[in-house]
Amino acid sequence: MSTSDIGHIIYMKAGAPTAFTEAAYETLFTTSPIKINGVVSIGPVGGTNAVIDIPDLESGWVMAAKGAKTGSETAIALREIKGDAGQTAVKAAAVEGEHKLYSFKIVEPDASGEVEYITGIVYNWQRNERSTTSYAGFTFSIRANSDSVVADAP
């Protein structure tokens, strides 16, 4: 049986851990993580590999090999909460001209107790459509620069 995603919480920190390990992420998030409130959805986290085609004249097959990995674009939707420190911090990170790294901690609901960490750039801050079928809110994206780290709750 599947579990519900209701109850997820996400935190952010400027910078990257000293290593992409559970211990390094836990150390990074021990001091003043910023909670992002009003989360509506968190898109897929992961990465994709490029495929390198290698033709083989003898067999007539084009063989495939894994190429470089690219971090996923994780889109996050928020409902607007005016004055929320997390939303303010994410917006600033997304609109700044520099390519700074940020780390995120996604806390699973109590039932699983897992935490997933990602590090990458923050970009594409956009306000939702203004219409009779929409709500005041925003979306932004994280592009991971490494594999995520899934760990038991600290």
N, C-alpha and C. Protein backbone atom coordinates (compact mmCIF):
# COMPACT_ATOMS: atom_id res chain seq x y z
N MET A 1 0.84 -1.18 0.00
CA MET A 1 0.00 0.00 0.00
C MET A 1 0.88 1.24 0.00
N SER A 2 0.52 2.21 -0.79
CA SER A 2 1.26 3.46 -0.85
C SER A 2 0.96 4.32 0.36
N THR A 3 1.89 5.20 0.66
CA THR A 3 1.67 6.17 1.72
C THR A 3 1.36 7.52 1.11
N SER A 4 0.73 8.38 1.84
CA SER A 4 0.38 9.71 1.37
C SER A 4 1.61 10.62 1.42
N ASP A 5 1.66 11.56 0.50
CA ASP A 5 2.73 12.56 0.52
C ASP A 5 2.38 13.76 1.39
N ILE A 6 1.19 13.76 1.95
CA ILE A 6 0.78 14.88 2.81
C ILE A 6 1.70 14.92 4.03
N GLY A 7 2.20 16.09 4.32
CA GLY A 7 3.07 16.26 5.48
C GLY A 7 4.52 16.53 5.14
N HIS A 8 4.86 16.55 3.84
CA HIS A 8 6.24 16.85 3.46
C HIS A 8 6.60 18.28 3.85
N ILE A 9 7.83 18.46 4.27
CA ILE A 9 8.37 19.78 4.63
C ILE A 9 9.68 19.94 3.87
N ILE A 10 9.98 21.17 3.43
CA ILE A 10 11.24 21.41 2.73
C ILE A 10 11.97 22.60 3.37
N TYR A 11 13.27 22.42 3.54
CA TYR A 11 14.15 23.46 4.09
C TYR A 11 15.23 23.76 3.07
N MET A 12 15.82 24.96 3.15
CA MET A 12 16.93 25.32 2.28
C MET A 12 18.07 25.94 3.07
N LYS A 13 19.25 25.84 2.50
CA LYS A 13 20.45 26.48 3.05
C LYS A 13 21.28 26.96 1.87
N ALA A 14 21.91 28.12 2.01
CA ALA A 14 22.85 28.57 1.00
C ALA A 14 24.09 27.70 1.07
N GLY A 15 24.63 27.34 -0.08
CA GLY A 15 25.86 26.57 -0.12
C GLY A 15 25.64 25.08 -0.28
N ALA A 16 26.76 24.38 -0.36
CA ALA A 16 26.77 22.93 -0.53
C ALA A 16 27.45 22.28 0.66
N PRO A 17 27.16 21.02 0.92
CA PRO A 17 27.87 20.33 2.01
C PRO A 17 29.32 20.10 1.61
N THR A 18 30.15 19.74 2.58
CA THR A 18 31.56 19.48 2.30
C THR A 18 31.74 18.22 1.46
N ALA A 19 30.79 17.33 1.51
CA ALA A 19 30.76 16.11 0.69
C ALA A 19 29.29 15.76 0.51
N PHE A 20 28.97 14.99 -0.50
CA PHE A 20 27.58 14.62 -0.74
C PHE A 20 27.26 13.31 -0.03
N THR A 21 27.30 13.40 1.31
CA THR A 21 27.04 12.26 2.17
C THR A 21 25.99 12.65 3.20
N GLU A 22 25.40 11.65 3.80
CA GLU A 22 24.40 11.90 4.84
C GLU A 22 24.98 12.74 5.97
N ALA A 23 26.16 12.38 6.44
CA ALA A 23 26.78 13.09 7.57
C ALA A 23 27.06 14.56 7.22
N ALA A 24 27.56 14.81 6.02
CA ALA A 24 27.88 16.18 5.62
C ALA A 24 26.61 17.02 5.48
N TYR A 25 25.56 16.43 4.93
CA TYR A 25 24.29 17.17 4.84
C TYR A 25 23.72 17.45 6.22
N GLU A 26 23.78 16.47 7.11
CA GLU A 26 23.25 16.68 8.46
C GLU A 26 24.01 17.79 9.18
N THR A 27 25.32 17.85 8.97
CA THR A 27 26.12 18.93 9.55
C THR A 27 25.70 20.28 8.98
N LEU A 28 25.52 20.35 7.66
CA LEU A 28 25.12 21.60 7.01
C LEU A 28 23.79 22.10 7.56
N PHE A 29 22.84 21.20 7.78
CA PHE A 29 21.50 21.61 8.18
C PHE A 29 21.31 21.73 9.69
N THR A 30 22.39 21.60 10.47
CA THR A 30 22.24 21.75 11.93
C THR A 30 22.07 23.21 12.34
N THR A 31 22.54 24.15 11.53
CA THR A 31 22.44 25.56 11.90
C THR A 31 21.53 26.33 10.96
N SER A 32 20.47 26.87 11.49
CA SER A 32 19.57 27.82 10.84
C SER A 32 19.09 27.46 9.44
N PRO A 33 18.52 26.29 9.22
CA PRO A 33 17.90 26.05 7.91
C PRO A 33 16.65 26.91 7.78
N ILE A 34 16.31 27.29 6.58
CA ILE A 34 15.12 28.11 6.34
C ILE A 34 14.01 27.20 5.83
N LYS A 35 12.89 27.18 6.55
CA LYS A 35 11.75 26.38 6.14
C LYS A 35 10.97 27.16 5.09
N ILE A 36 10.59 26.48 4.01
CA ILE A 36 9.78 27.08 2.96
C ILE A 36 8.34 26.65 3.20
N ASN A 37 7.49 27.61 3.51
CA ASN A 37 6.09 27.31 3.80
C ASN A 37 5.23 27.44 2.55
N GLY A 38 4.06 26.83 2.60
CA GLY A 38 3.09 26.93 1.51
C GLY A 38 3.37 25.99 0.36
N VAL A 39 4.06 24.89 0.60
CA VAL A 39 4.40 23.96 -0.49
C VAL A 39 3.14 23.27 -0.99
N VAL A 40 2.95 23.31 -2.30
CA VAL A 40 1.83 22.66 -2.97
C VAL A 40 2.29 21.33 -3.57
N SER A 41 3.46 21.34 -4.20
CA SER A 41 4.00 20.10 -4.79
C SER A 41 5.51 20.21 -4.95
N ILE A 42 6.15 19.05 -4.94
CA ILE A 42 7.58 18.93 -5.18
C ILE A 42 7.74 17.92 -6.30
N GLY A 43 8.33 18.36 -7.41
CA GLY A 43 8.49 17.49 -8.57
C GLY A 43 9.51 16.38 -8.35
N PRO A 44 9.68 15.55 -9.36
CA PRO A 44 10.62 14.43 -9.26
C PRO A 44 12.05 14.90 -8.99
N VAL A 45 12.76 14.10 -8.19
CA VAL A 45 14.17 14.36 -7.88
C VAL A 45 14.97 13.20 -8.44
N GLY A 46 16.05 13.49 -9.10
CA GLY A 46 16.89 12.42 -9.65
C GLY A 46 17.78 12.96 -10.74
N GLY A 47 18.02 12.14 -11.72
CA GLY A 47 18.86 12.54 -12.83
C GLY A 47 18.63 11.63 -14.01
N THR A 48 19.16 12.04 -15.16
CA THR A 48 19.06 11.23 -16.36
C THR A 48 20.44 11.13 -16.99
N ASN A 49 20.68 10.00 -17.60
CA ASN A 49 21.94 9.81 -18.31
C ASN A 49 21.74 10.06 -19.80
N ALA A 50 22.73 10.68 -20.42
CA ALA A 50 22.75 10.76 -21.87
C ALA A 50 23.07 9.35 -22.38
N VAL A 51 22.62 9.04 -23.56
CA VAL A 51 22.91 7.74 -24.15
C VAL A 51 23.88 7.97 -25.31
N ILE A 52 24.96 7.22 -25.28
CA ILE A 52 25.96 7.29 -26.35
C ILE A 52 25.71 6.11 -27.28
N ASP A 53 25.46 6.39 -28.55
CA ASP A 53 25.25 5.34 -29.55
C ASP A 53 26.59 4.91 -30.12
N ILE A 54 26.84 3.60 -30.13
CA ILE A 54 28.09 3.04 -30.64
C ILE A 54 27.73 2.02 -31.72
N PRO A 55 27.89 2.40 -33.00
CA PRO A 55 27.54 1.47 -34.07
C PRO A 55 28.53 0.29 -34.14
N ASP A 56 27.99 -0.88 -34.44
CA ASP A 56 28.82 -2.06 -34.62
C ASP A 56 28.55 -2.61 -36.02
N LEU A 57 29.53 -2.47 -36.88
CA LEU A 57 29.36 -2.85 -38.28
C LEU A 57 29.13 -4.35 -38.44
N GLU A 58 29.83 -5.16 -37.66
CA GLU A 58 29.73 -6.61 -37.81
C GLU A 58 28.32 -7.11 -37.47
N SER A 59 27.75 -6.67 -36.37
CA SER A 59 26.43 -7.16 -35.97
C SER A 59 25.28 -6.36 -36.58
N GLY A 60 25.58 -5.14 -36.98
CA GLY A 60 24.53 -4.28 -37.51
C GLY A 60 23.72 -3.58 -36.42
N TRP A 61 24.13 -3.76 -35.20
CA TRP A 61 23.44 -3.14 -34.07
C TRP A 61 24.13 -1.84 -33.67
N VAL A 62 23.33 -0.91 -33.20
CA VAL A 62 23.87 0.28 -32.56
C VAL A 62 23.76 0.03 -31.07
N MET A 63 24.91 -0.17 -30.45
CA MET A 63 24.96 -0.45 -29.01
C MET A 63 24.78 0.86 -28.24
N ALA A 64 24.30 0.76 -27.01
CA ALA A 64 24.11 1.93 -26.17
C ALA A 64 25.03 1.86 -24.97
N ALA A 65 25.57 3.01 -24.60
CA ALA A 65 26.38 3.12 -23.39
C ALA A 65 25.88 4.35 -22.62
N LYS A 66 26.01 4.29 -21.30
CA LYS A 66 25.61 5.44 -20.49
C LYS A 66 26.62 6.55 -20.68
N GLY A 67 26.09 7.75 -20.86
CA GLY A 67 26.94 8.93 -20.95
C GLY A 67 26.84 9.75 -19.67
N ALA A 68 27.14 11.02 -19.78
CA ALA A 68 27.13 11.92 -18.62
C ALA A 68 25.75 12.01 -18.01
N LYS A 69 25.70 12.24 -16.72
CA LYS A 69 24.44 12.35 -15.99
C LYS A 69 24.09 13.82 -15.82
N THR A 70 22.82 14.12 -15.96
CA THR A 70 22.30 15.47 -15.76
C THR A 70 21.27 15.43 -14.64
N GLY A 71 21.40 16.35 -13.70
CA GLY A 71 20.43 16.42 -12.61
C GLY A 71 19.06 16.81 -13.12
N SER A 72 18.04 16.30 -12.47
CA SER A 72 16.68 16.61 -12.88
C SER A 72 16.34 18.06 -12.58
N GLU A 73 15.34 18.55 -13.28
CA GLU A 73 14.77 19.86 -12.96
C GLU A 73 13.61 19.57 -12.03
N THR A 74 13.77 19.88 -10.78
CA THR A 74 12.74 19.64 -9.78
C THR A 74 11.93 20.92 -9.62
N ALA A 75 10.71 20.90 -10.13
CA ALA A 75 9.82 22.06 -10.01
C ALA A 75 9.08 21.99 -8.68
N ILE A 76 9.01 23.12 -8.00
CA ILE A 76 8.31 23.20 -6.73
C ILE A 76 7.26 24.30 -6.83
N ALA A 77 6.05 23.96 -6.45
CA ALA A 77 4.95 24.92 -6.48
C ALA A 77 4.63 25.36 -5.05
N LEU A 78 4.34 26.65 -4.91
CA LEU A 78 4.02 27.23 -3.61
C LEU A 78 2.74 28.04 -3.70
N ARG A 79 1.94 28.01 -2.64
CA ARG A 79 0.86 28.97 -2.53
C ARG A 79 1.45 30.19 -1.84
N GLU A 80 1.03 31.35 -2.23
CA GLU A 80 1.61 32.58 -1.69
C GLU A 80 1.30 32.75 -0.21
N ILE A 81 2.37 32.98 0.56
CA ILE A 81 2.24 33.37 1.96
C ILE A 81 3.07 34.63 2.12
N LYS A 82 2.40 35.76 2.15
CA LYS A 82 3.11 37.05 2.23
C LYS A 82 3.96 37.11 3.48
N GLY A 83 5.21 37.54 3.31
CA GLY A 83 6.12 37.70 4.43
C GLY A 83 6.81 36.42 4.88
N ASP A 84 6.56 35.29 4.19
CA ASP A 84 7.21 34.05 4.59
C ASP A 84 8.70 34.11 4.27
N ALA A 85 9.53 33.88 5.27
CA ALA A 85 10.98 33.98 5.11
C ALA A 85 11.50 32.96 4.09
N GLY A 86 10.93 31.77 4.06
CA GLY A 86 11.36 30.75 3.11
C GLY A 86 11.07 31.14 1.67
N GLN A 87 9.87 31.64 1.43
CA GLN A 87 9.53 32.07 0.07
C GLN A 87 10.38 33.26 -0.36
N THR A 88 10.64 34.17 0.56
CA THR A 88 11.50 35.31 0.25
C THR A 88 12.91 34.85 -0.11
N ALA A 89 13.44 33.89 0.66
CA ALA A 89 14.79 33.38 0.41
C ALA A 89 14.89 32.64 -0.92
N VAL A 90 13.89 31.83 -1.24
CA VAL A 90 13.89 31.09 -2.50
C VAL A 90 13.80 32.05 -3.68
N LYS A 91 12.93 33.05 -3.57
CA LYS A 91 12.81 34.03 -4.65
C LYS A 91 14.13 34.74 -4.87
N ALA A 92 14.78 35.17 -3.80
CA ALA A 92 16.08 35.85 -3.93
C ALA A 92 17.11 34.93 -4.59
N ALA A 93 17.11 33.65 -4.21
CA ALA A 93 18.06 32.69 -4.79
C ALA A 93 17.78 32.49 -6.28
N ALA A 94 16.50 32.46 -6.65
CA ALA A 94 16.13 32.18 -8.03
C ALA A 94 16.39 33.36 -8.96
N VAL A 95 16.23 34.58 -8.47
CA VAL A 95 16.36 35.73 -9.36
C VAL A 95 17.76 36.35 -9.36
N GLU A 96 18.61 35.93 -8.43
CA GLU A 96 19.96 36.50 -8.41
C GLU A 96 20.71 36.10 -9.68
N GLY A 97 21.62 36.96 -10.13
CA GLY A 97 22.35 36.72 -11.35
C GLY A 97 23.48 35.72 -11.23
N GLU A 98 23.89 35.41 -10.03
CA GLU A 98 25.02 34.50 -9.83
C GLU A 98 24.56 33.05 -9.87
N HIS A 99 25.52 32.16 -9.99
CA HIS A 99 25.23 30.73 -10.06
C HIS A 99 25.61 30.05 -8.75
N LYS A 100 25.06 30.56 -7.66
CA LYS A 100 25.38 30.00 -6.35
C LYS A 100 24.65 28.68 -6.17
N LEU A 101 25.23 27.83 -5.34
CA LEU A 101 24.60 26.55 -5.01
C LEU A 101 23.80 26.68 -3.73
N TYR A 102 22.70 25.96 -3.69
CA TYR A 102 21.84 25.89 -2.52
C TYR A 102 21.55 24.42 -2.24
N SER A 103 21.35 24.10 -0.98
CA SER A 103 21.02 22.74 -0.59
C SER A 103 19.62 22.71 -0.01
N PHE A 104 18.92 21.61 -0.25
CA PHE A 104 17.55 21.44 0.20
C PHE A 104 17.40 20.13 0.94
N LYS A 105 16.56 20.18 1.94
CA LYS A 105 16.26 19.01 2.77
C LYS A 105 14.76 18.78 2.69
N ILE A 106 14.36 17.66 2.10
CA ILE A 106 12.95 17.31 1.98
C ILE A 106 12.66 16.26 3.05
N VAL A 107 11.79 16.61 3.98
CA VAL A 107 11.47 15.71 5.08
C VAL A 107 10.16 14.99 4.76
N GLU A 108 10.23 13.67 4.71
CA GLU A 108 9.06 12.84 4.43
C GLU A 108 8.11 12.88 5.63
N PRO A 109 6.83 12.54 5.40
CA PRO A 109 5.89 12.48 6.52
C PRO A 109 6.37 11.50 7.59
N ASP A 110 5.84 11.64 8.78
CA ASP A 110 6.25 10.84 9.92
C ASP A 110 6.29 9.34 9.67
N ALA A 111 5.41 8.84 8.80
CA ALA A 111 5.31 7.40 8.59
C ALA A 111 6.60 6.79 8.07
N SER A 112 7.31 7.47 7.17
CA SER A 112 8.52 6.89 6.59
C SER A 112 9.78 7.31 7.33
N GLY A 113 9.80 8.53 7.82
CA GLY A 113 10.97 9.01 8.54
C GLY A 113 12.18 9.30 7.68
N GLU A 114 12.03 9.30 6.36
CA GLU A 114 13.18 9.55 5.49
C GLU A 114 13.37 11.04 5.21
N VAL A 115 14.60 11.36 4.85
CA VAL A 115 14.97 12.71 4.46
C VAL A 115 15.71 12.59 3.13
N GLU A 116 15.42 13.49 2.20
CA GLU A 116 16.16 13.50 0.93
C GLU A 116 16.81 14.86 0.79
N TYR A 117 18.11 14.84 0.48
CA TYR A 117 18.89 16.06 0.32
C TYR A 117 19.25 16.25 -1.16
N ILE A 118 19.19 17.50 -1.62
CA ILE A 118 19.64 17.83 -2.97
C ILE A 118 20.40 19.15 -2.93
N THR A 119 21.37 19.28 -3.83
CA THR A 119 22.13 20.51 -3.97
C THR A 119 22.18 20.89 -5.44
N GLY A 120 21.97 22.17 -5.71
CA GLY A 120 22.03 22.64 -7.09
C GLY A 120 21.73 24.13 -7.17
N ILE A 121 21.42 24.56 -8.38
CA ILE A 121 21.07 25.97 -8.60
C ILE A 121 19.55 26.13 -8.48
N VAL A 122 19.13 27.33 -8.14
CA VAL A 122 17.72 27.67 -8.02
C VAL A 122 17.41 28.69 -9.12
N TYR A 123 16.33 28.45 -9.86
CA TYR A 123 16.03 29.34 -10.98
C TYR A 123 14.55 29.26 -11.36
N ASN A 124 14.15 30.05 -12.35
CA ASN A 124 12.80 30.06 -12.92
C ASN A 124 11.70 30.41 -11.92
N TRP A 125 11.92 31.44 -11.10
CA TRP A 125 10.85 31.90 -10.20
C TRP A 125 9.76 32.52 -11.06
N GLN A 126 8.54 32.00 -10.96
CA GLN A 126 7.43 32.53 -11.75
C GLN A 126 6.17 32.58 -10.92
N ARG A 127 5.40 33.65 -11.11
CA ARG A 127 4.10 33.75 -10.44
C ARG A 127 3.10 32.91 -11.23
N ASN A 128 2.16 32.29 -10.51
CA ASN A 128 1.12 31.52 -11.18
C ASN A 128 0.27 32.42 -12.07
N GLU A 129 -0.39 31.79 -13.00
CA GLU A 129 -1.35 32.47 -13.85
C GLU A 129 -2.42 33.13 -12.98
N ARG A 130 -2.83 34.29 -13.40
CA ARG A 130 -3.93 34.97 -12.71
C ARG A 130 -5.21 34.67 -13.49
N SER A 131 -6.08 33.86 -12.90
CA SER A 131 -7.31 33.48 -13.58
C SER A 131 -8.35 33.05 -12.55
N THR A 132 -9.53 32.73 -13.04
CA THR A 132 -10.60 32.28 -12.15
C THR A 132 -10.41 30.83 -11.70
N THR A 133 -9.44 30.15 -12.26
CA THR A 133 -9.21 28.74 -11.90
C THR A 133 -7.83 28.53 -11.30
N SER A 134 -7.21 29.61 -10.85
CA SER A 134 -5.86 29.51 -10.29
C SER A 134 -5.85 30.15 -8.90
N TYR A 135 -4.72 30.04 -8.23
CA TYR A 135 -4.54 30.64 -6.92
C TYR A 135 -3.26 31.45 -6.93
N ALA A 136 -3.15 32.38 -5.99
CA ALA A 136 -1.94 33.20 -5.89
C ALA A 136 -0.81 32.30 -5.38
N GLY A 137 0.20 32.19 -6.17
CA GLY A 137 1.33 31.34 -5.80
C GLY A 137 2.45 31.45 -6.80
N PHE A 138 3.44 30.59 -6.63
CA PHE A 138 4.66 30.69 -7.43
C PHE A 138 5.19 29.28 -7.72
N THR A 139 6.03 29.20 -8.73
CA THR A 139 6.81 27.99 -8.97
C THR A 139 8.27 28.40 -9.12
N PHE A 140 9.16 27.48 -8.78
CA PHE A 140 10.59 27.67 -9.03
C PHE A 140 11.17 26.29 -9.29
N SER A 141 12.40 26.26 -9.77
CA SER A 141 13.04 24.99 -10.07
C SER A 141 14.40 24.88 -9.40
N ILE A 142 14.77 23.64 -9.12
CA ILE A 142 16.11 23.31 -8.64
C ILE A 142 16.72 22.38 -9.68
N ARG A 143 17.92 22.67 -10.11
CA ARG A 143 18.64 21.77 -11.02
C ARG A 143 19.80 21.18 -10.22
N ALA A 144 19.68 19.90 -9.90
CA ALA A 144 20.67 19.22 -9.06
C ALA A 144 22.01 19.11 -9.78
N ASN A 145 23.07 19.26 -9.01
CA ASN A 145 24.43 19.10 -9.54
C ASN A 145 25.10 17.83 -9.04
N SER A 146 24.32 16.99 -8.38
CA SER A 146 24.82 15.70 -7.89
C SER A 146 23.61 14.83 -7.59
N ASP A 147 23.86 13.55 -7.33
CA ASP A 147 22.77 12.67 -6.94
C ASP A 147 22.20 13.12 -5.61
N SER A 148 20.92 12.89 -5.41
CA SER A 148 20.33 13.19 -4.11
C SER A 148 20.83 12.13 -3.12
N VAL A 149 20.72 12.47 -1.85
CA VAL A 149 21.10 11.55 -0.77
C VAL A 149 19.84 11.31 0.06
N VAL A 150 19.44 10.04 0.15
CA VAL A 150 18.27 9.67 0.95
C VAL A 150 18.78 9.02 2.22
N ALA A 151 18.24 9.47 3.33
CA ALA A 151 18.72 8.99 4.63
C ALA A 151 17.55 8.82 5.59
N ASP A 152 17.76 8.03 6.63
CA ASP A 152 16.78 7.96 7.70
C ASP A 152 16.75 9.29 8.42
N ALA A 153 15.64 9.63 9.01
CA ALA A 153 15.53 10.90 9.73
C ALA A 153 16.61 10.98 10.80
N PRO A 154 17.30 12.14 10.87
CA PRO A 154 18.36 12.28 11.89
C PRO A 154 17.81 12.31 13.30
